[in-house]
Amino acid sequence: MRVALLAARRSLSAPDRAVAAAAVQAELVTLVRRLRPARMSAYVPVASEPGGDDLPDVLRAALPPDAELLLPVLCDDMDLDWAPYTGRESLRAAGRGMREPTAPPRGRAAVAGAGLVVVPAVAVDRRGIRLGRGGGSYDRALARVPATVPTVALLHDGELVEAVPAQSHDRPVHCVITPADGLVAVPGVGPGASAGRTRG
């Protein structure tokens, strides 16, 4: 499933990716402005990931002026630390194609203090279970996030599916955002249903 979905992403043309990124960004910005978190976490999309590589700048502009945007820093054991985003010039190349901030990390538990958590996914099913890239980094990060904090995965159209393989350590996300359907709450998972308008 992962191989097929990633191949479909790679087949998207640059104009199609740009249109999809703009739609996902617009919906996420609406959510951020509604929730006005004092701290949120997100990531820098790479290659054909949804959201566009300017996502951190878009989110920082949408946040209240004194709010903090944390981005992941990949640890040697594949866990995630978190550091504040201060601008595109502060990013450096990291493992697995990621770009990460150069500011001093705040610790692996810093994500627990976020009021909104945005995560990547290859697919999400109707239970909110993510299919990631197989490293387990975000499974560990989401385990530190309180159940009351909205968690949102960004997807391309066709990546919200009926079921993905699940393991006991998987933590569901509350919502997904797709270009066509916007913000979609996963029924019964938690605060996602009250995070904002849903479609689809």
N, C-alpha and C. Protein backbone atom coordinates (compact mmCIF):
# COMPACT_ATOMS: atom_id res chain seq x y z
N MET A 1 0.82 -1.20 0.00
CA MET A 1 0.00 0.00 0.00
C MET A 1 0.87 1.26 0.00
N ARG A 2 1.89 1.26 0.83
CA ARG A 2 2.79 2.42 0.90
C ARG A 2 3.47 2.66 -0.45
N VAL A 3 3.99 1.61 -1.06
CA VAL A 3 4.69 1.74 -2.34
C VAL A 3 3.75 2.30 -3.40
N ALA A 4 2.53 1.79 -3.46
CA ALA A 4 1.58 2.24 -4.48
C ALA A 4 1.19 3.69 -4.27
N LEU A 5 0.96 4.07 -3.03
CA LEU A 5 0.54 5.44 -2.76
C LEU A 5 1.68 6.44 -3.04
N LEU A 6 2.90 6.07 -2.67
CA LEU A 6 4.03 6.95 -2.94
C LEU A 6 4.29 7.09 -4.44
N ALA A 7 4.07 5.99 -5.18
CA ALA A 7 4.22 6.06 -6.64
C ALA A 7 3.17 7.00 -7.24
N ALA A 8 1.95 6.95 -6.71
CA ALA A 8 0.90 7.85 -7.20
C ALA A 8 1.26 9.30 -6.93
N ARG A 9 1.86 9.56 -5.77
CA ARG A 9 2.29 10.93 -5.46
C ARG A 9 3.36 11.40 -6.46
N ARG A 10 4.30 10.53 -6.73
CA ARG A 10 5.39 10.91 -7.64
C ARG A 10 4.87 11.18 -9.04
N SER A 11 3.75 10.58 -9.40
CA SER A 11 3.21 10.76 -10.74
C SER A 11 2.47 12.09 -10.92
N LEU A 12 2.21 12.80 -9.83
CA LEU A 12 1.52 14.08 -9.93
C LEU A 12 2.43 15.10 -10.62
N SER A 13 1.86 15.88 -11.51
CA SER A 13 2.64 16.91 -12.17
C SER A 13 2.91 18.07 -11.21
N ALA A 14 3.91 18.86 -11.52
CA ALA A 14 4.23 20.02 -10.67
C ALA A 14 3.04 20.97 -10.54
N PRO A 15 2.32 21.29 -11.63
CA PRO A 15 1.14 22.15 -11.47
C PRO A 15 0.06 21.53 -10.58
N ASP A 16 -0.16 20.22 -10.70
CA ASP A 16 -1.15 19.56 -9.86
C ASP A 16 -0.74 19.60 -8.40
N ARG A 17 0.56 19.40 -8.13
CA ARG A 17 1.05 19.48 -6.74
C ARG A 17 0.87 20.88 -6.18
N ALA A 18 1.11 21.88 -7.01
CA ALA A 18 0.97 23.27 -6.55
C ALA A 18 -0.48 23.60 -6.21
N VAL A 19 -1.39 23.16 -7.06
CA VAL A 19 -2.81 23.40 -6.79
C VAL A 19 -3.24 22.70 -5.51
N ALA A 20 -2.81 21.45 -5.35
CA ALA A 20 -3.16 20.69 -4.14
C ALA A 20 -2.57 21.35 -2.90
N ALA A 21 -1.32 21.81 -2.98
CA ALA A 21 -0.68 22.46 -1.83
C ALA A 21 -1.43 23.72 -1.43
N ALA A 22 -1.85 24.51 -2.41
CA ALA A 22 -2.57 25.74 -2.10
C ALA A 22 -3.88 25.45 -1.39
N ALA A 23 -4.59 24.40 -1.83
CA ALA A 23 -5.86 24.05 -1.20
C ALA A 23 -5.66 23.56 0.23
N VAL A 24 -4.66 22.72 0.44
CA VAL A 24 -4.37 22.21 1.78
C VAL A 24 -3.94 23.34 2.69
N GLN A 25 -3.07 24.21 2.20
CA GLN A 25 -2.62 25.34 3.01
C GLN A 25 -3.78 26.24 3.41
N ALA A 26 -4.67 26.54 2.50
CA ALA A 26 -5.79 27.43 2.80
C ALA A 26 -6.66 26.86 3.91
N GLU A 27 -6.93 25.56 3.84
CA GLU A 27 -7.77 24.94 4.87
C GLU A 27 -7.06 24.92 6.21
N LEU A 28 -5.75 24.64 6.20
CA LEU A 28 -4.99 24.60 7.45
C LEU A 28 -4.87 26.00 8.05
N VAL A 29 -4.66 27.00 7.24
CA VAL A 29 -4.59 28.37 7.73
C VAL A 29 -5.90 28.77 8.40
N THR A 30 -7.02 28.39 7.82
CA THR A 30 -8.32 28.68 8.43
C THR A 30 -8.41 28.05 9.81
N LEU A 31 -7.95 26.82 9.94
CA LEU A 31 -7.98 26.13 11.23
C LEU A 31 -7.06 26.82 12.23
N VAL A 32 -5.86 27.17 11.81
CA VAL A 32 -4.91 27.83 12.72
C VAL A 32 -5.48 29.16 13.21
N ARG A 33 -6.06 29.93 12.33
CA ARG A 33 -6.63 31.22 12.74
C ARG A 33 -7.83 31.05 13.65
N ARG A 34 -8.54 29.94 13.50
CA ARG A 34 -9.67 29.69 14.39
C ARG A 34 -9.21 29.26 15.78
N LEU A 35 -8.21 28.39 15.83
CA LEU A 35 -7.76 27.86 17.12
C LEU A 35 -6.78 28.80 17.83
N ARG A 36 -6.00 29.57 17.09
CA ARG A 36 -5.02 30.50 17.64
C ARG A 36 -4.14 29.85 18.71
N PRO A 37 -3.45 28.76 18.39
CA PRO A 37 -2.62 28.10 19.40
C PRO A 37 -1.41 28.96 19.75
N ALA A 38 -1.00 28.91 21.02
CA ALA A 38 0.22 29.60 21.45
C ALA A 38 1.46 28.86 20.97
N ARG A 39 1.31 27.57 20.73
CA ARG A 39 2.38 26.75 20.16
C ARG A 39 1.73 25.71 19.28
N MET A 40 2.32 25.45 18.12
CA MET A 40 1.87 24.35 17.30
C MET A 40 3.09 23.67 16.72
N SER A 41 2.92 22.45 16.29
CA SER A 41 4.01 21.73 15.62
C SER A 41 3.56 21.36 14.22
N ALA A 42 4.52 21.36 13.31
CA ALA A 42 4.26 20.98 11.92
C ALA A 42 5.55 20.38 11.37
N TYR A 43 5.76 20.46 10.07
CA TYR A 43 6.94 19.87 9.45
C TYR A 43 7.15 20.54 8.11
N VAL A 44 8.28 20.29 7.47
CA VAL A 44 8.56 20.81 6.15
C VAL A 44 8.27 19.71 5.14
N PRO A 45 7.22 19.81 4.35
CA PRO A 45 6.96 18.78 3.33
C PRO A 45 8.13 18.67 2.36
N VAL A 46 8.43 17.46 1.96
CA VAL A 46 9.51 17.23 1.00
C VAL A 46 8.95 16.49 -0.22
N ALA A 47 9.60 16.71 -1.35
CA ALA A 47 9.24 16.04 -2.60
C ALA A 47 7.75 16.25 -2.88
N SER A 48 6.99 15.15 -3.00
CA SER A 48 5.58 15.26 -3.38
C SER A 48 4.64 15.22 -2.19
N GLU A 49 5.16 15.43 -0.97
CA GLU A 49 4.27 15.45 0.20
C GLU A 49 3.30 16.62 0.11
N PRO A 50 2.07 16.44 0.60
CA PRO A 50 1.08 17.51 0.54
C PRO A 50 1.50 18.72 1.38
N GLY A 51 1.09 19.89 0.95
CA GLY A 51 1.30 21.09 1.75
C GLY A 51 2.30 22.07 1.19
N GLY A 52 3.23 21.62 0.35
CA GLY A 52 4.20 22.53 -0.25
C GLY A 52 5.36 22.86 0.67
N ASP A 53 6.53 23.10 0.09
CA ASP A 53 7.71 23.31 0.91
C ASP A 53 7.73 24.65 1.62
N ASP A 54 6.78 25.55 1.30
CA ASP A 54 6.69 26.82 2.02
C ASP A 54 5.69 26.75 3.17
N LEU A 55 5.24 25.56 3.53
CA LEU A 55 4.24 25.41 4.58
C LEU A 55 4.65 26.09 5.89
N PRO A 56 5.89 25.93 6.38
CA PRO A 56 6.22 26.59 7.65
C PRO A 56 6.05 28.11 7.60
N ASP A 57 6.42 28.74 6.49
CA ASP A 57 6.25 30.19 6.38
C ASP A 57 4.76 30.57 6.38
N VAL A 58 3.95 29.79 5.70
CA VAL A 58 2.52 30.04 5.66
C VAL A 58 1.92 29.92 7.06
N LEU A 59 2.33 28.90 7.80
CA LEU A 59 1.79 28.69 9.14
C LEU A 59 2.26 29.78 10.10
N ARG A 60 3.52 30.16 10.00
CA ARG A 60 4.04 31.18 10.90
C ARG A 60 3.30 32.50 10.69
N ALA A 61 2.97 32.80 9.43
CA ALA A 61 2.21 34.02 9.15
C ALA A 61 0.79 33.95 9.68
N ALA A 62 0.22 32.75 9.77
CA ALA A 62 -1.15 32.59 10.24
C ALA A 62 -1.26 32.59 11.76
N LEU A 63 -0.18 32.26 12.45
CA LEU A 63 -0.19 32.18 13.90
C LEU A 63 -0.23 33.57 14.53
N PRO A 64 -0.71 33.67 15.78
CA PRO A 64 -0.58 34.94 16.50
C PRO A 64 0.89 35.36 16.57
N PRO A 65 1.16 36.66 16.66
CA PRO A 65 2.55 37.14 16.59
C PRO A 65 3.49 36.53 17.62
N ASP A 66 3.00 36.22 18.81
CA ASP A 66 3.86 35.69 19.86
C ASP A 66 3.82 34.16 19.95
N ALA A 67 3.18 33.51 18.99
CA ALA A 67 3.08 32.05 19.03
C ALA A 67 4.35 31.41 18.50
N GLU A 68 4.53 30.14 18.82
CA GLU A 68 5.72 29.40 18.46
C GLU A 68 5.36 28.24 17.53
N LEU A 69 6.13 28.12 16.45
CA LEU A 69 5.98 27.00 15.53
C LEU A 69 7.17 26.07 15.70
N LEU A 70 6.91 24.84 16.11
CA LEU A 70 7.96 23.85 16.29
C LEU A 70 8.01 22.92 15.09
N LEU A 71 9.22 22.60 14.65
CA LEU A 71 9.43 21.63 13.58
C LEU A 71 10.29 20.49 14.09
N PRO A 72 10.16 19.30 13.49
CA PRO A 72 10.87 18.13 14.01
C PRO A 72 12.36 18.15 13.68
N VAL A 73 13.12 17.57 14.59
CA VAL A 73 14.54 17.32 14.41
C VAL A 73 14.73 15.81 14.60
N LEU A 74 15.19 15.12 13.57
CA LEU A 74 15.31 13.67 13.61
C LEU A 74 16.50 13.25 14.48
N CYS A 75 16.24 12.40 15.46
CA CYS A 75 17.28 11.89 16.35
C CYS A 75 17.92 10.63 15.76
N ASP A 76 19.05 10.24 16.31
CA ASP A 76 19.76 9.06 15.81
C ASP A 76 18.92 7.79 15.94
N ASP A 77 18.04 7.74 16.95
CA ASP A 77 17.21 6.55 17.16
C ASP A 77 15.88 6.62 16.44
N MET A 78 15.74 7.60 15.51
CA MET A 78 14.54 7.80 14.70
C MET A 78 13.39 8.45 15.47
N ASP A 79 13.62 8.83 16.73
CA ASP A 79 12.63 9.61 17.47
C ASP A 79 12.74 11.06 17.00
N LEU A 80 11.83 11.91 17.46
CA LEU A 80 11.81 13.31 17.06
C LEU A 80 11.99 14.23 18.25
N ASP A 81 12.93 15.15 18.11
CA ASP A 81 13.05 16.30 18.98
C ASP A 81 12.34 17.45 18.26
N TRP A 82 12.24 18.62 18.89
CA TRP A 82 11.49 19.73 18.31
C TRP A 82 12.23 21.03 18.55
N ALA A 83 12.30 21.87 17.50
CA ALA A 83 12.98 23.15 17.59
C ALA A 83 12.13 24.22 16.93
N PRO A 84 12.23 25.45 17.41
CA PRO A 84 11.41 26.52 16.83
C PRO A 84 11.86 26.89 15.43
N TYR A 85 10.89 27.23 14.60
CA TYR A 85 11.16 27.68 13.24
C TYR A 85 11.31 29.19 13.24
N THR A 86 12.43 29.68 12.74
CA THR A 86 12.70 31.11 12.72
C THR A 86 12.83 31.67 11.31
N GLY A 87 12.64 30.85 10.31
CA GLY A 87 12.73 31.31 8.94
C GLY A 87 13.41 30.30 8.05
N ARG A 88 13.12 30.40 6.75
CA ARG A 88 13.63 29.42 5.79
C ARG A 88 15.15 29.34 5.78
N GLU A 89 15.82 30.48 6.05
CA GLU A 89 17.27 30.49 6.05
C GLU A 89 17.87 29.70 7.21
N SER A 90 17.04 29.36 8.19
CA SER A 90 17.53 28.63 9.36
C SER A 90 17.41 27.12 9.20
N LEU A 91 16.90 26.65 8.05
CA LEU A 91 16.73 25.21 7.85
C LEU A 91 18.01 24.59 7.29
N ARG A 92 18.24 23.34 7.66
CA ARG A 92 19.39 22.61 7.13
C ARG A 92 18.92 21.24 6.63
N ALA A 93 19.67 20.66 5.73
CA ALA A 93 19.36 19.32 5.25
C ALA A 93 19.61 18.31 6.36
N ALA A 94 18.76 17.31 6.44
CA ALA A 94 18.88 16.28 7.48
C ALA A 94 18.60 14.92 6.85
N GLY A 95 18.55 13.88 7.67
CA GLY A 95 18.34 12.52 7.18
C GLY A 95 16.97 12.32 6.59
N ARG A 96 16.86 11.30 5.73
CA ARG A 96 15.59 10.89 5.12
C ARG A 96 14.96 12.02 4.30
N GLY A 97 15.80 12.90 3.76
CA GLY A 97 15.31 13.98 2.91
C GLY A 97 14.66 15.14 3.64
N MET A 98 14.68 15.10 4.97
CA MET A 98 14.04 16.15 5.75
C MET A 98 14.89 17.42 5.76
N ARG A 99 14.24 18.54 6.02
CA ARG A 99 14.92 19.77 6.39
C ARG A 99 14.46 20.14 7.78
N GLU A 100 15.39 20.55 8.62
CA GLU A 100 15.06 20.80 10.01
C GLU A 100 15.69 22.09 10.51
N PRO A 101 15.10 22.69 11.54
CA PRO A 101 15.62 23.97 12.03
C PRO A 101 16.95 23.81 12.77
N THR A 102 17.75 24.87 12.74
CA THR A 102 19.05 24.86 13.40
C THR A 102 18.99 25.44 14.81
N ALA A 103 17.84 25.97 15.21
CA ALA A 103 17.71 26.51 16.57
C ALA A 103 17.87 25.39 17.59
N PRO A 104 18.27 25.72 18.83
CA PRO A 104 18.44 24.68 19.85
C PRO A 104 17.13 23.91 20.08
N PRO A 105 17.17 22.58 20.06
CA PRO A 105 15.96 21.78 20.29
C PRO A 105 15.39 22.00 21.68
N ARG A 106 14.08 21.84 21.78
CA ARG A 106 13.37 22.02 23.04
C ARG A 106 13.14 20.70 23.78
N GLY A 107 13.52 19.58 23.20
CA GLY A 107 13.30 18.30 23.84
C GLY A 107 12.20 17.51 23.18
N ARG A 108 12.27 16.21 23.34
CA ARG A 108 11.29 15.34 22.68
C ARG A 108 9.87 15.55 23.20
N ALA A 109 9.76 15.99 24.44
CA ALA A 109 8.43 16.19 25.04
C ALA A 109 7.83 17.53 24.69
N ALA A 110 8.55 18.38 23.96
CA ALA A 110 8.03 19.72 23.65
C ALA A 110 6.72 19.67 22.87
N VAL A 111 6.56 18.64 22.06
CA VAL A 111 5.34 18.52 21.26
C VAL A 111 4.10 18.37 22.15
N ALA A 112 4.28 17.89 23.38
CA ALA A 112 3.15 17.72 24.28
C ALA A 112 2.52 19.05 24.67
N GLY A 113 3.28 20.15 24.52
CA GLY A 113 2.74 21.46 24.87
C GLY A 113 2.11 22.19 23.72
N ALA A 114 2.00 21.55 22.57
CA ALA A 114 1.40 22.20 21.40
C ALA A 114 -0.12 22.20 21.52
N GLY A 115 -0.73 23.25 20.98
CA GLY A 115 -2.19 23.31 20.94
C GLY A 115 -2.77 22.78 19.66
N LEU A 116 -1.91 22.50 18.67
CA LEU A 116 -2.30 21.90 17.40
C LEU A 116 -1.09 21.18 16.85
N VAL A 117 -1.28 19.95 16.40
CA VAL A 117 -0.18 19.14 15.90
C VAL A 117 -0.51 18.70 14.48
N VAL A 118 0.36 19.06 13.53
CA VAL A 118 0.18 18.71 12.13
C VAL A 118 1.24 17.68 11.76
N VAL A 119 0.81 16.55 11.19
CA VAL A 119 1.73 15.46 10.93
C VAL A 119 1.62 15.00 9.47
N PRO A 120 2.70 14.45 8.94
CA PRO A 120 2.64 13.86 7.60
C PRO A 120 2.04 12.46 7.65
N ALA A 121 1.56 12.01 6.52
CA ALA A 121 1.06 10.64 6.40
C ALA A 121 1.05 10.27 4.93
N VAL A 122 1.22 8.99 4.67
CA VAL A 122 1.04 8.47 3.31
C VAL A 122 -0.43 8.18 3.06
N ALA A 123 -1.14 7.77 4.11
CA ALA A 123 -2.58 7.54 4.05
C ALA A 123 -3.11 7.57 5.48
N VAL A 124 -4.41 7.79 5.60
CA VAL A 124 -5.10 7.70 6.88
C VAL A 124 -6.41 6.98 6.62
N ASP A 125 -6.80 6.11 7.55
CA ASP A 125 -8.06 5.40 7.33
C ASP A 125 -9.19 6.02 8.14
N ARG A 126 -10.37 5.45 8.01
CA ARG A 126 -11.56 6.04 8.62
C ARG A 126 -11.56 5.94 10.14
N ARG A 127 -10.60 5.21 10.71
CA ARG A 127 -10.42 5.17 12.17
C ARG A 127 -9.42 6.22 12.62
N GLY A 128 -8.79 6.91 11.67
CA GLY A 128 -7.76 7.88 12.01
C GLY A 128 -6.36 7.31 12.06
N ILE A 129 -6.20 6.03 11.76
CA ILE A 129 -4.88 5.40 11.80
C ILE A 129 -4.06 5.85 10.60
N ARG A 130 -2.81 6.30 10.88
CA ARG A 130 -1.90 6.76 9.84
C ARG A 130 -1.10 5.61 9.26
N LEU A 131 -0.82 5.72 7.98
CA LEU A 131 0.23 4.94 7.36
C LEU A 131 1.36 5.91 7.09
N GLY A 132 2.49 5.74 7.77
CA GLY A 132 3.63 6.62 7.58
C GLY A 132 4.64 5.99 6.63
N ARG A 133 5.87 6.46 6.74
CA ARG A 133 6.93 5.94 5.88
C ARG A 133 7.66 4.76 6.49
N GLY A 134 7.28 4.33 7.66
CA GLY A 134 7.82 3.10 8.22
C GLY A 134 8.88 3.26 9.29
N GLY A 135 9.28 4.50 9.60
CA GLY A 135 10.32 4.71 10.60
C GLY A 135 9.82 4.73 12.03
N GLY A 136 8.52 4.97 12.22
CA GLY A 136 7.95 5.00 13.56
C GLY A 136 8.15 6.31 14.30
N SER A 137 8.75 7.31 13.65
CA SER A 137 9.06 8.57 14.34
C SER A 137 7.80 9.26 14.85
N TYR A 138 6.79 9.37 14.01
CA TYR A 138 5.59 10.08 14.43
C TYR A 138 4.70 9.25 15.34
N ASP A 139 4.81 7.93 15.30
CA ASP A 139 4.09 7.12 16.28
C ASP A 139 4.57 7.47 17.68
N ARG A 140 5.88 7.61 17.84
CA ARG A 140 6.43 7.96 19.15
C ARG A 140 6.06 9.39 19.54
N ALA A 141 6.12 10.29 18.57
CA ALA A 141 5.77 11.68 18.88
C ALA A 141 4.30 11.81 19.29
N LEU A 142 3.41 11.16 18.55
CA LEU A 142 1.98 11.27 18.86
C LEU A 142 1.65 10.64 20.21
N ALA A 143 2.43 9.68 20.63
CA ALA A 143 2.19 9.07 21.95
C ALA A 143 2.42 10.07 23.08
N ARG A 144 3.14 11.16 22.81
CA ARG A 144 3.40 12.18 23.84
C ARG A 144 2.37 13.30 23.82
N VAL A 145 1.51 13.31 22.82
CA VAL A 145 0.54 14.39 22.66
C VAL A 145 -0.73 14.04 23.44
N PRO A 146 -1.20 14.94 24.32
CA PRO A 146 -2.44 14.65 25.04
C PRO A 146 -3.60 14.39 24.09
N ALA A 147 -4.50 13.52 24.50
CA ALA A 147 -5.63 13.13 23.65
C ALA A 147 -6.55 14.30 23.33
N THR A 148 -6.50 15.36 24.13
CA THR A 148 -7.37 16.52 23.90
C THR A 148 -6.82 17.48 22.86
N VAL A 149 -5.59 17.29 22.40
CA VAL A 149 -4.97 18.21 21.44
C VAL A 149 -5.32 17.77 20.02
N PRO A 150 -5.86 18.67 19.20
CA PRO A 150 -6.18 18.29 17.82
C PRO A 150 -4.93 17.90 17.04
N THR A 151 -5.01 16.76 16.36
CA THR A 151 -3.93 16.29 15.51
C THR A 151 -4.47 16.15 14.09
N VAL A 152 -3.73 16.66 13.12
CA VAL A 152 -4.20 16.76 11.75
C VAL A 152 -3.14 16.20 10.81
N ALA A 153 -3.53 15.31 9.92
CA ALA A 153 -2.64 14.78 8.88
C ALA A 153 -2.99 15.41 7.54
N LEU A 154 -1.97 15.74 6.77
CA LEU A 154 -2.16 16.33 5.44
C LEU A 154 -2.03 15.26 4.38
N LEU A 155 -3.01 15.21 3.47
CA LEU A 155 -3.07 14.15 2.45
C LEU A 155 -3.35 14.73 1.08
N HIS A 156 -3.01 13.95 0.05
CA HIS A 156 -3.53 14.20 -1.29
C HIS A 156 -4.89 13.52 -1.41
N ASP A 157 -5.64 13.91 -2.42
CA ASP A 157 -6.91 13.24 -2.69
C ASP A 157 -6.66 11.76 -2.95
N GLY A 158 -7.56 10.91 -2.45
CA GLY A 158 -7.43 9.47 -2.63
C GLY A 158 -6.63 8.78 -1.54
N GLU A 159 -6.10 9.54 -0.58
CA GLU A 159 -5.28 8.94 0.48
C GLU A 159 -6.02 8.79 1.81
N LEU A 160 -7.28 9.23 1.88
CA LEU A 160 -8.15 8.89 2.99
C LEU A 160 -8.86 7.61 2.58
N VAL A 161 -8.49 6.50 3.21
CA VAL A 161 -8.89 5.17 2.73
C VAL A 161 -9.72 4.46 3.80
N GLU A 162 -10.26 3.32 3.42
CA GLU A 162 -11.11 2.59 4.36
C GLU A 162 -10.31 1.98 5.50
N ALA A 163 -9.14 1.43 5.21
CA ALA A 163 -8.36 0.78 6.28
C ALA A 163 -6.89 0.73 5.88
N VAL A 164 -6.02 0.92 6.87
CA VAL A 164 -4.60 0.68 6.71
C VAL A 164 -4.17 -0.32 7.77
N PRO A 165 -3.07 -1.03 7.57
CA PRO A 165 -2.60 -1.96 8.60
C PRO A 165 -2.31 -1.20 9.89
N ALA A 166 -2.70 -1.77 11.01
CA ALA A 166 -2.54 -1.11 12.30
C ALA A 166 -1.81 -2.01 13.28
N GLN A 167 -1.05 -1.38 14.18
CA GLN A 167 -0.40 -2.09 15.28
C GLN A 167 -0.83 -1.47 16.59
N SER A 168 -0.51 -2.14 17.69
CA SER A 168 -1.01 -1.71 18.99
C SER A 168 -0.51 -0.33 19.39
N HIS A 169 0.66 0.08 18.89
CA HIS A 169 1.21 1.37 19.30
C HIS A 169 0.70 2.54 18.46
N ASP A 170 -0.07 2.29 17.42
CA ASP A 170 -0.55 3.35 16.54
C ASP A 170 -1.50 4.28 17.29
N ARG A 171 -1.30 5.57 17.12
CA ARG A 171 -2.19 6.58 17.69
C ARG A 171 -2.96 7.24 16.56
N PRO A 172 -4.29 7.30 16.65
CA PRO A 172 -5.06 7.91 15.58
C PRO A 172 -4.93 9.43 15.57
N VAL A 173 -5.08 10.01 14.39
CA VAL A 173 -5.21 11.46 14.28
C VAL A 173 -6.68 11.82 14.32
N HIS A 174 -6.97 13.06 14.66
CA HIS A 174 -8.36 13.48 14.79
C HIS A 174 -8.96 13.93 13.47
N CYS A 175 -8.14 14.49 12.59
CA CYS A 175 -8.64 15.06 11.34
C CYS A 175 -7.63 14.82 10.23
N VAL A 176 -8.09 14.92 9.02
CA VAL A 176 -7.21 15.00 7.85
C VAL A 176 -7.64 16.21 7.04
N ILE A 177 -6.71 16.70 6.22
CA ILE A 177 -7.03 17.73 5.24
C ILE A 177 -6.63 17.20 3.88
N THR A 178 -7.57 17.23 2.94
CA THR A 178 -7.29 16.86 1.55
C THR A 178 -7.67 18.04 0.66
N PRO A 179 -7.08 18.13 -0.52
CA PRO A 179 -7.41 19.26 -1.40
C PRO A 179 -8.89 19.36 -1.74
N ALA A 180 -9.53 18.24 -2.04
CA ALA A 180 -10.92 18.29 -2.48
C ALA A 180 -11.92 18.41 -1.34
N ASP A 181 -11.65 17.73 -0.23
CA ASP A 181 -12.63 17.66 0.86
C ASP A 181 -12.34 18.60 2.01
N GLY A 182 -11.19 19.25 2.01
CA GLY A 182 -10.88 20.16 3.11
C GLY A 182 -10.63 19.42 4.40
N LEU A 183 -11.08 20.00 5.50
CA LEU A 183 -10.89 19.42 6.83
C LEU A 183 -11.95 18.36 7.08
N VAL A 184 -11.51 17.14 7.32
CA VAL A 184 -12.43 16.03 7.55
C VAL A 184 -12.14 15.44 8.92
N ALA A 185 -13.10 15.48 9.82
CA ALA A 185 -12.94 14.90 11.15
C ALA A 185 -13.13 13.40 11.09
N VAL A 186 -12.32 12.69 11.85
CA VAL A 186 -12.46 11.23 11.94
C VAL A 186 -13.49 10.94 13.03
N PRO A 187 -14.58 10.29 12.71
CA PRO A 187 -15.65 10.09 13.69
C PRO A 187 -15.16 9.36 14.94
N GLY A 188 -15.52 9.93 16.09
CA GLY A 188 -15.29 9.24 17.34
C GLY A 188 -13.89 9.27 17.89
N VAL A 189 -12.95 9.95 17.21
CA VAL A 189 -11.58 9.93 17.70
C VAL A 189 -11.37 10.92 18.82
N GLY A 190 -11.96 12.10 18.73
CA GLY A 190 -11.72 13.09 19.80
C GLY A 190 -12.03 14.48 19.35
N PRO A 191 -11.12 15.46 19.67
CA PRO A 191 -11.44 16.86 19.47
C PRO A 191 -11.48 17.30 18.03
N GLY A 192 -11.12 16.44 17.09
CA GLY A 192 -11.12 16.85 15.70
C GLY A 192 -12.49 17.33 15.23
N ALA A 193 -13.55 16.71 15.75
CA ALA A 193 -14.88 17.08 15.30
C ALA A 193 -15.23 18.52 15.67
N SER A 194 -14.57 19.06 16.71
CA SER A 194 -14.85 20.42 17.11
C SER A 194 -13.76 21.37 16.69
N ALA A 195 -12.77 20.86 15.91
CA ALA A 195 -11.65 21.71 15.53
C ALA A 195 -12.04 22.73 14.48
N GLY A 196 -13.08 22.49 13.75
CA GLY A 196 -13.48 23.44 12.73
C GLY A 196 -14.46 22.81 11.77
N ARG A 197 -14.77 23.54 10.74
CA ARG A 197 -15.71 23.07 9.73
C ARG A 197 -15.19 21.81 9.07
N THR A 198 -16.08 20.91 8.76
CA THR A 198 -15.70 19.71 8.05
C THR A 198 -16.51 19.60 6.78
N ARG A 199 -15.91 18.95 5.81
CA ARG A 199 -16.59 18.65 4.56
C ARG A 199 -16.39 17.18 4.23
N GLY A 200 -17.21 16.65 3.35
CA GLY A 200 -17.00 15.29 2.91
C GLY A 200 -17.63 14.28 3.83
